[in-house]
Amino acid sequence: MIRTEIQIRFNDMDPMRRVNNSSYSTYLELARLDFCNRYLQVSELEDIPFVLARVEMDLKSSVLPGASIFVETWVSSIGTTSWEFSYSIRDTKTNELYVSAKTVQVYFDYREKSKKPIPFDFLKSLEKERL
């Protein structure tokens, strides 16, 4: 399981003085980027070997100003050409669950513009984070 600390920015807030729902997708994106930085050699955008195919989020509680949060990310399912990340966005101090989410990624070669089976080396990286 990967833990990604999140810095809440002023522009993440909405007029109701809570983190705007759209900001949670950005937090998931930061967690996926953290995964890439840990397991992949990415020097160009085309080196990222997947495309996001699906996002599913359940909002449990609002993140309010002053909260300190993190995203936990793990691999919950692996197929031939795709895999699923599961996420929890939680409070650093209380461990309160704010958001549970899932995304589906498809292994994709941007240079060839086609999906492909997950290569063995990358599959090993996914299996390290599988729960």
N, C-alpha and C. Protein backbone atom coordinates (compact mmCIF):
# COMPACT_ATOMS: atom_id res chain seq x y z
N MET A 1 0.85 -1.17 0.00
CA MET A 1 0.00 0.00 0.00
C MET A 1 0.90 1.24 0.00
N ILE A 2 0.58 2.16 -0.87
CA ILE A 2 1.34 3.40 -0.99
C ILE A 2 0.59 4.51 -0.27
N ARG A 3 1.32 5.29 0.50
CA ARG A 3 0.72 6.44 1.20
C ARG A 3 1.27 7.71 0.58
N THR A 4 0.38 8.57 0.11
CA THR A 4 0.74 9.84 -0.52
C THR A 4 0.16 10.98 0.31
N GLU A 5 1.03 11.80 0.85
CA GLU A 5 0.58 12.97 1.61
C GLU A 5 0.03 14.01 0.63
N ILE A 6 -1.04 14.68 0.99
CA ILE A 6 -1.68 15.67 0.13
C ILE A 6 -1.66 17.03 0.82
N GLN A 7 -1.24 18.03 0.10
CA GLN A 7 -1.31 19.40 0.59
C GLN A 7 -2.60 20.02 0.04
N ILE A 8 -3.48 20.40 0.93
CA ILE A 8 -4.73 21.03 0.51
C ILE A 8 -4.44 22.49 0.19
N ARG A 9 -4.83 22.89 -1.01
CA ARG A 9 -4.60 24.27 -1.46
C ARG A 9 -5.87 25.09 -1.29
N PHE A 10 -5.70 26.38 -1.20
CA PHE A 10 -6.84 27.29 -1.05
C PHE A 10 -7.85 27.09 -2.19
N ASN A 11 -7.34 26.92 -3.42
CA ASN A 11 -8.26 26.79 -4.56
C ASN A 11 -8.94 25.42 -4.64
N ASP A 12 -8.61 24.50 -3.71
CA ASP A 12 -9.33 23.23 -3.62
C ASP A 12 -10.68 23.40 -2.93
N MET A 13 -10.86 24.53 -2.26
CA MET A 13 -12.07 24.76 -1.48
C MET A 13 -13.20 25.32 -2.35
N ASP A 14 -14.43 25.05 -1.92
CA ASP A 14 -15.59 25.61 -2.61
C ASP A 14 -16.25 26.66 -1.71
N PRO A 15 -17.31 27.32 -2.18
CA PRO A 15 -17.95 28.37 -1.36
C PRO A 15 -18.53 27.85 -0.04
N MET A 16 -18.71 26.55 0.09
CA MET A 16 -19.24 25.97 1.33
C MET A 16 -18.13 25.71 2.35
N ARG A 17 -16.92 26.15 2.04
CA ARG A 17 -15.75 26.01 2.93
C ARG A 17 -15.41 24.56 3.22
N ARG A 18 -15.35 23.79 2.16
CA ARG A 18 -14.91 22.39 2.22
C ARG A 18 -14.19 22.11 0.91
N VAL A 19 -13.45 21.01 0.86
CA VAL A 19 -12.79 20.64 -0.39
C VAL A 19 -13.86 20.33 -1.42
N ASN A 20 -13.73 20.94 -2.59
CA ASN A 20 -14.67 20.73 -3.68
C ASN A 20 -14.57 19.29 -4.18
N ASN A 21 -15.70 18.71 -4.54
CA ASN A 21 -15.72 17.31 -4.99
C ASN A 21 -14.75 17.04 -6.13
N SER A 22 -14.57 17.98 -7.03
CA SER A 22 -13.67 17.76 -8.17
C SER A 22 -12.22 17.66 -7.74
N SER A 23 -11.86 18.22 -6.60
CA SER A 23 -10.48 18.16 -6.13
C SER A 23 -10.07 16.75 -5.75
N TYR A 24 -11.02 15.92 -5.34
CA TYR A 24 -10.68 14.55 -4.95
C TYR A 24 -10.09 13.78 -6.12
N SER A 25 -10.59 14.03 -7.32
CA SER A 25 -10.01 13.37 -8.51
C SER A 25 -8.55 13.76 -8.69
N THR A 26 -8.25 15.02 -8.41
CA THR A 26 -6.86 15.48 -8.50
C THR A 26 -6.00 14.76 -7.47
N TYR A 27 -6.52 14.54 -6.27
CA TYR A 27 -5.76 13.83 -5.24
C TYR A 27 -5.47 12.39 -5.68
N LEU A 28 -6.44 11.76 -6.34
CA LEU A 28 -6.21 10.40 -6.86
C LEU A 28 -5.14 10.43 -7.94
N GLU A 29 -5.16 11.46 -8.76
CA GLU A 29 -4.16 11.61 -9.81
C GLU A 29 -2.76 11.75 -9.19
N LEU A 30 -2.65 12.52 -8.12
CA LEU A 30 -1.36 12.66 -7.44
C LEU A 30 -0.89 11.31 -6.89
N ALA A 31 -1.81 10.51 -6.40
CA ALA A 31 -1.46 9.18 -5.90
C ALA A 31 -0.97 8.27 -7.03
N ARG A 32 -1.62 8.35 -8.20
CA ARG A 32 -1.15 7.55 -9.35
C ARG A 32 0.23 8.02 -9.79
N LEU A 33 0.46 9.33 -9.76
CA LEU A 33 1.78 9.87 -10.10
C LEU A 33 2.83 9.37 -9.11
N ASP A 34 2.47 9.31 -7.84
CA ASP A 34 3.37 8.77 -6.82
C ASP A 34 3.72 7.31 -7.15
N PHE A 35 2.72 6.53 -7.56
CA PHE A 35 2.98 5.15 -7.98
C PHE A 35 3.98 5.12 -9.14
N CYS A 36 3.76 5.97 -10.14
CA CYS A 36 4.67 6.03 -11.30
C CYS A 36 6.09 6.38 -10.86
N ASN A 37 6.22 7.35 -9.97
CA ASN A 37 7.55 7.75 -9.52
C ASN A 37 8.26 6.65 -8.75
N ARG A 38 7.52 5.80 -8.08
CA ARG A 38 8.12 4.71 -7.30
C ARG A 38 8.50 3.51 -8.17
N TYR A 39 7.72 3.23 -9.22
CA TYR A 39 7.89 1.97 -9.95
C TYR A 39 8.29 2.10 -11.41
N LEU A 40 8.26 3.29 -11.96
CA LEU A 40 8.50 3.43 -13.39
C LEU A 40 9.63 4.42 -13.67
N GLN A 41 10.26 4.26 -14.79
CA GLN A 41 11.25 5.20 -15.28
C GLN A 41 10.53 6.13 -16.26
N VAL A 42 10.09 7.26 -15.77
CA VAL A 42 9.33 8.19 -16.60
C VAL A 42 10.17 9.44 -16.83
N SER A 43 10.63 9.62 -18.08
CA SER A 43 11.36 10.83 -18.41
C SER A 43 10.56 11.70 -19.38
N GLU A 44 9.60 11.11 -20.06
CA GLU A 44 8.71 11.83 -20.98
C GLU A 44 7.28 11.39 -20.69
N LEU A 45 6.32 12.23 -21.03
CA LEU A 45 4.92 11.87 -20.80
C LEU A 45 4.55 10.56 -21.48
N GLU A 46 5.12 10.30 -22.63
CA GLU A 46 4.81 9.07 -23.36
C GLU A 46 5.30 7.82 -22.65
N ASP A 47 6.14 7.98 -21.62
CA ASP A 47 6.65 6.83 -20.86
C ASP A 47 5.63 6.31 -19.85
N ILE A 48 4.59 7.09 -19.57
CA ILE A 48 3.55 6.62 -18.66
C ILE A 48 2.76 5.55 -19.41
N PRO A 49 2.75 4.32 -18.88
CA PRO A 49 2.23 3.20 -19.68
C PRO A 49 0.75 2.89 -19.50
N PHE A 50 -0.05 3.88 -19.21
CA PHE A 50 -1.47 3.58 -19.07
C PHE A 50 -2.33 4.80 -19.38
N VAL A 51 -3.59 4.49 -19.64
CA VAL A 51 -4.61 5.52 -19.82
C VAL A 51 -5.69 5.23 -18.77
N LEU A 52 -6.23 6.28 -18.21
CA LEU A 52 -7.30 6.14 -17.22
C LEU A 52 -8.60 5.84 -17.95
N ALA A 53 -9.28 4.76 -17.56
CA ALA A 53 -10.50 4.35 -18.25
C ALA A 53 -11.76 4.56 -17.42
N ARG A 54 -11.61 4.58 -16.09
CA ARG A 54 -12.80 4.70 -15.23
C ARG A 54 -12.41 5.28 -13.89
N VAL A 55 -13.29 6.11 -13.33
CA VAL A 55 -13.13 6.66 -11.98
C VAL A 55 -14.45 6.47 -11.24
N GLU A 56 -14.36 5.96 -10.03
CA GLU A 56 -15.55 5.75 -9.20
C GLU A 56 -15.20 6.23 -7.78
N MET A 57 -16.01 7.13 -7.24
CA MET A 57 -15.74 7.68 -5.90
C MET A 57 -16.99 7.68 -5.04
N ASP A 58 -16.79 7.36 -3.78
CA ASP A 58 -17.84 7.48 -2.78
C ASP A 58 -17.35 8.49 -1.74
N LEU A 59 -18.07 9.61 -1.64
CA LEU A 59 -17.72 10.66 -0.68
C LEU A 59 -18.40 10.34 0.64
N LYS A 60 -17.59 10.15 1.67
CA LYS A 60 -18.11 9.74 2.99
C LYS A 60 -18.27 10.92 3.93
N SER A 61 -17.36 11.90 3.81
CA SER A 61 -17.36 13.05 4.71
C SER A 61 -16.59 14.18 4.04
N SER A 62 -16.92 15.42 4.38
CA SER A 62 -16.25 16.56 3.77
C SER A 62 -14.91 16.84 4.44
N VAL A 63 -13.93 17.18 3.62
CA VAL A 63 -12.65 17.65 4.13
C VAL A 63 -12.78 19.16 4.33
N LEU A 64 -12.51 19.60 5.54
CA LEU A 64 -12.68 21.00 5.90
C LEU A 64 -11.33 21.70 6.00
N PRO A 65 -11.32 23.03 5.96
CA PRO A 65 -10.06 23.77 6.08
C PRO A 65 -9.30 23.36 7.34
N GLY A 66 -7.99 23.27 7.20
CA GLY A 66 -7.14 22.90 8.33
C GLY A 66 -6.89 21.41 8.46
N ALA A 67 -7.62 20.60 7.71
CA ALA A 67 -7.42 19.15 7.77
C ALA A 67 -6.08 18.80 7.13
N SER A 68 -5.52 17.72 7.60
CA SER A 68 -4.30 17.17 7.03
C SER A 68 -4.67 15.78 6.52
N ILE A 69 -4.46 15.53 5.22
CA ILE A 69 -4.96 14.29 4.61
C ILE A 69 -3.87 13.54 3.85
N PHE A 70 -4.16 12.28 3.59
CA PHE A 70 -3.30 11.44 2.76
C PHE A 70 -4.17 10.50 1.95
N VAL A 71 -3.58 9.95 0.88
CA VAL A 71 -4.25 8.95 0.05
C VAL A 71 -3.51 7.64 0.20
N GLU A 72 -4.22 6.58 0.51
CA GLU A 72 -3.67 5.23 0.47
C GLU A 72 -4.08 4.63 -0.86
N THR A 73 -3.13 4.01 -1.55
CA THR A 73 -3.39 3.41 -2.86
C THR A 73 -2.90 1.97 -2.86
N TRP A 74 -3.71 1.09 -3.41
CA TRP A 74 -3.30 -0.30 -3.57
C TRP A 74 -3.94 -0.86 -4.83
N VAL A 75 -3.36 -1.92 -5.33
CA VAL A 75 -3.89 -2.61 -6.51
C VAL A 75 -4.91 -3.62 -6.01
N SER A 76 -6.13 -3.52 -6.49
CA SER A 76 -7.20 -4.41 -6.03
C SER A 76 -7.58 -5.47 -7.05
N SER A 77 -7.15 -5.30 -8.29
CA SER A 77 -7.48 -6.28 -9.33
C SER A 77 -6.51 -6.11 -10.49
N ILE A 78 -6.11 -7.24 -11.08
CA ILE A 78 -5.22 -7.21 -12.25
C ILE A 78 -5.79 -8.12 -13.32
N GLY A 79 -5.91 -7.57 -14.53
CA GLY A 79 -6.36 -8.36 -15.67
C GLY A 79 -5.23 -8.53 -16.67
N THR A 80 -5.56 -8.82 -17.91
CA THR A 80 -4.57 -9.01 -18.96
C THR A 80 -4.03 -7.69 -19.49
N THR A 81 -4.92 -6.71 -19.68
CA THR A 81 -4.51 -5.40 -20.22
C THR A 81 -4.84 -4.26 -19.28
N SER A 82 -5.50 -4.55 -18.16
CA SER A 82 -5.92 -3.47 -17.27
C SER A 82 -5.78 -3.90 -15.81
N TRP A 83 -5.83 -2.91 -14.92
CA TRP A 83 -5.81 -3.17 -13.49
C TRP A 83 -6.61 -2.10 -12.79
N GLU A 84 -6.93 -2.39 -11.54
CA GLU A 84 -7.72 -1.47 -10.74
C GLU A 84 -6.90 -1.01 -9.54
N PHE A 85 -6.87 0.30 -9.34
CA PHE A 85 -6.35 0.87 -8.10
C PHE A 85 -7.54 1.13 -7.20
N SER A 86 -7.39 0.87 -5.91
CA SER A 86 -8.36 1.30 -4.91
C SER A 86 -7.68 2.34 -4.04
N TYR A 87 -8.48 3.25 -3.49
CA TYR A 87 -7.94 4.36 -2.73
C TYR A 87 -8.79 4.64 -1.50
N SER A 88 -8.14 5.17 -0.48
CA SER A 88 -8.81 5.77 0.67
C SER A 88 -8.17 7.13 0.88
N ILE A 89 -9.00 8.15 0.99
CA ILE A 89 -8.50 9.47 1.39
C ILE A 89 -8.89 9.63 2.85
N ARG A 90 -7.86 9.83 3.70
CA ARG A 90 -8.07 9.81 5.15
C ARG A 90 -7.43 11.01 5.84
N ASP A 91 -7.90 11.27 7.04
CA ASP A 91 -7.34 12.30 7.89
C ASP A 91 -6.07 11.77 8.56
N THR A 92 -5.00 12.57 8.51
CA THR A 92 -3.72 12.15 9.06
C THR A 92 -3.79 11.94 10.57
N LYS A 93 -4.54 12.76 11.27
CA LYS A 93 -4.57 12.69 12.74
C LYS A 93 -5.58 11.66 13.26
N THR A 94 -6.76 11.64 12.66
CA THR A 94 -7.83 10.79 13.20
C THR A 94 -8.07 9.51 12.39
N ASN A 95 -7.50 9.44 11.20
CA ASN A 95 -7.71 8.33 10.27
C ASN A 95 -9.15 8.27 9.74
N GLU A 96 -9.91 9.35 9.93
CA GLU A 96 -11.29 9.40 9.41
C GLU A 96 -11.26 9.20 7.90
N LEU A 97 -12.19 8.38 7.40
CA LEU A 97 -12.31 8.13 5.97
C LEU A 97 -13.17 9.21 5.34
N TYR A 98 -12.59 9.94 4.39
CA TYR A 98 -13.33 10.97 3.65
C TYR A 98 -13.85 10.44 2.32
N VAL A 99 -13.02 9.68 1.61
CA VAL A 99 -13.38 9.20 0.28
C VAL A 99 -12.84 7.79 0.09
N SER A 100 -13.65 6.93 -0.50
CA SER A 100 -13.14 5.65 -1.01
C SER A 100 -13.37 5.70 -2.52
N ALA A 101 -12.39 5.17 -3.26
CA ALA A 101 -12.45 5.31 -4.72
C ALA A 101 -11.78 4.13 -5.40
N LYS A 102 -12.10 3.99 -6.68
CA LYS A 102 -11.45 3.00 -7.54
C LYS A 102 -11.24 3.64 -8.91
N THR A 103 -10.15 3.26 -9.54
CA THR A 103 -9.92 3.65 -10.94
C THR A 103 -9.47 2.43 -11.71
N VAL A 104 -9.80 2.41 -12.98
CA VAL A 104 -9.33 1.36 -13.88
C VAL A 104 -8.36 2.00 -14.86
N GLN A 105 -7.19 1.40 -14.96
CA GLN A 105 -6.16 1.84 -15.90
C GLN A 105 -5.97 0.75 -16.95
N VAL A 106 -5.75 1.16 -18.18
CA VAL A 106 -5.48 0.23 -19.27
C VAL A 106 -4.04 0.45 -19.72
N TYR A 107 -3.28 -0.65 -19.80
CA TYR A 107 -1.91 -0.53 -20.26
C TYR A 107 -1.94 -0.03 -21.71
N PHE A 108 -1.22 1.05 -21.97
CA PHE A 108 -1.34 1.74 -23.26
C PHE A 108 0.02 2.24 -23.71
N ASP A 109 0.35 2.00 -24.96
CA ASP A 109 1.58 2.49 -25.57
C ASP A 109 1.23 3.76 -26.34
N TYR A 110 1.63 4.91 -25.79
CA TYR A 110 1.30 6.19 -26.42
C TYR A 110 2.03 6.39 -27.74
N ARG A 111 3.20 5.81 -27.86
CA ARG A 111 3.94 5.96 -29.12
C ARG A 111 3.27 5.19 -30.26
N GLU A 112 2.74 4.00 -29.93
CA GLU A 112 2.04 3.19 -30.95
C GLU A 112 0.53 3.43 -30.95
N LYS A 113 0.06 4.19 -29.95
CA LYS A 113 -1.37 4.51 -29.83
C LYS A 113 -2.25 3.26 -29.78
N SER A 114 -1.84 2.32 -28.91
CA SER A 114 -2.62 1.09 -28.79
C SER A 114 -2.49 0.50 -27.39
N LYS A 115 -3.56 -0.20 -26.98
CA LYS A 115 -3.49 -0.91 -25.71
C LYS A 115 -2.73 -2.22 -25.93
N LYS A 116 -2.11 -2.70 -24.86
CA LYS A 116 -1.30 -3.91 -24.95
C LYS A 116 -1.45 -4.72 -23.68
N PRO A 117 -1.08 -5.97 -23.71
CA PRO A 117 -1.04 -6.75 -22.47
C PRO A 117 -0.01 -6.16 -21.51
N ILE A 118 -0.28 -6.28 -20.23
CA ILE A 118 0.64 -5.76 -19.22
C ILE A 118 1.93 -6.57 -19.28
N PRO A 119 3.09 -5.92 -19.51
CA PRO A 119 4.35 -6.66 -19.55
C PRO A 119 4.71 -7.25 -18.19
N PHE A 120 5.50 -8.30 -18.20
CA PHE A 120 5.84 -9.03 -16.98
C PHE A 120 6.49 -8.13 -15.93
N ASP A 121 7.45 -7.29 -16.31
CA ASP A 121 8.13 -6.42 -15.33
C ASP A 121 7.16 -5.46 -14.66
N PHE A 122 6.25 -4.89 -15.44
CA PHE A 122 5.27 -3.98 -14.87
C PHE A 122 4.27 -4.74 -14.01
N LEU A 123 3.92 -5.94 -14.44
CA LEU A 123 3.02 -6.79 -13.67
C LEU A 123 3.60 -7.07 -12.28
N LYS A 124 4.90 -7.28 -12.19
CA LYS A 124 5.56 -7.50 -10.90
C LYS A 124 5.40 -6.28 -9.99
N SER A 125 5.50 -5.07 -10.56
CA SER A 125 5.30 -3.85 -9.78
C SER A 125 3.88 -3.76 -9.25
N LEU A 126 2.92 -4.11 -10.09
CA LEU A 126 1.52 -4.09 -9.65
C LEU A 126 1.29 -5.10 -8.54
N GLU A 127 1.87 -6.29 -8.68
CA GLU A 127 1.66 -7.33 -7.68
C GLU A 127 2.26 -6.96 -6.32
N LYS A 128 3.29 -6.13 -6.31
CA LYS A 128 3.88 -5.68 -5.04
C LYS A 128 2.90 -4.88 -4.22
N GLU A 129 1.98 -4.19 -4.88
CA GLU A 129 1.02 -3.32 -4.19
C GLU A 129 -0.39 -3.91 -4.15
N ARG A 130 -0.51 -5.18 -4.49
CA ARG A 130 -1.83 -5.82 -4.51
C ARG A 130 -2.22 -6.28 -3.11
N LEU A 131 -3.45 -5.99 -2.75
CA LEU A 131 -4.01 -6.45 -1.46
C LEU A 131 -5.12 -7.44 -1.70
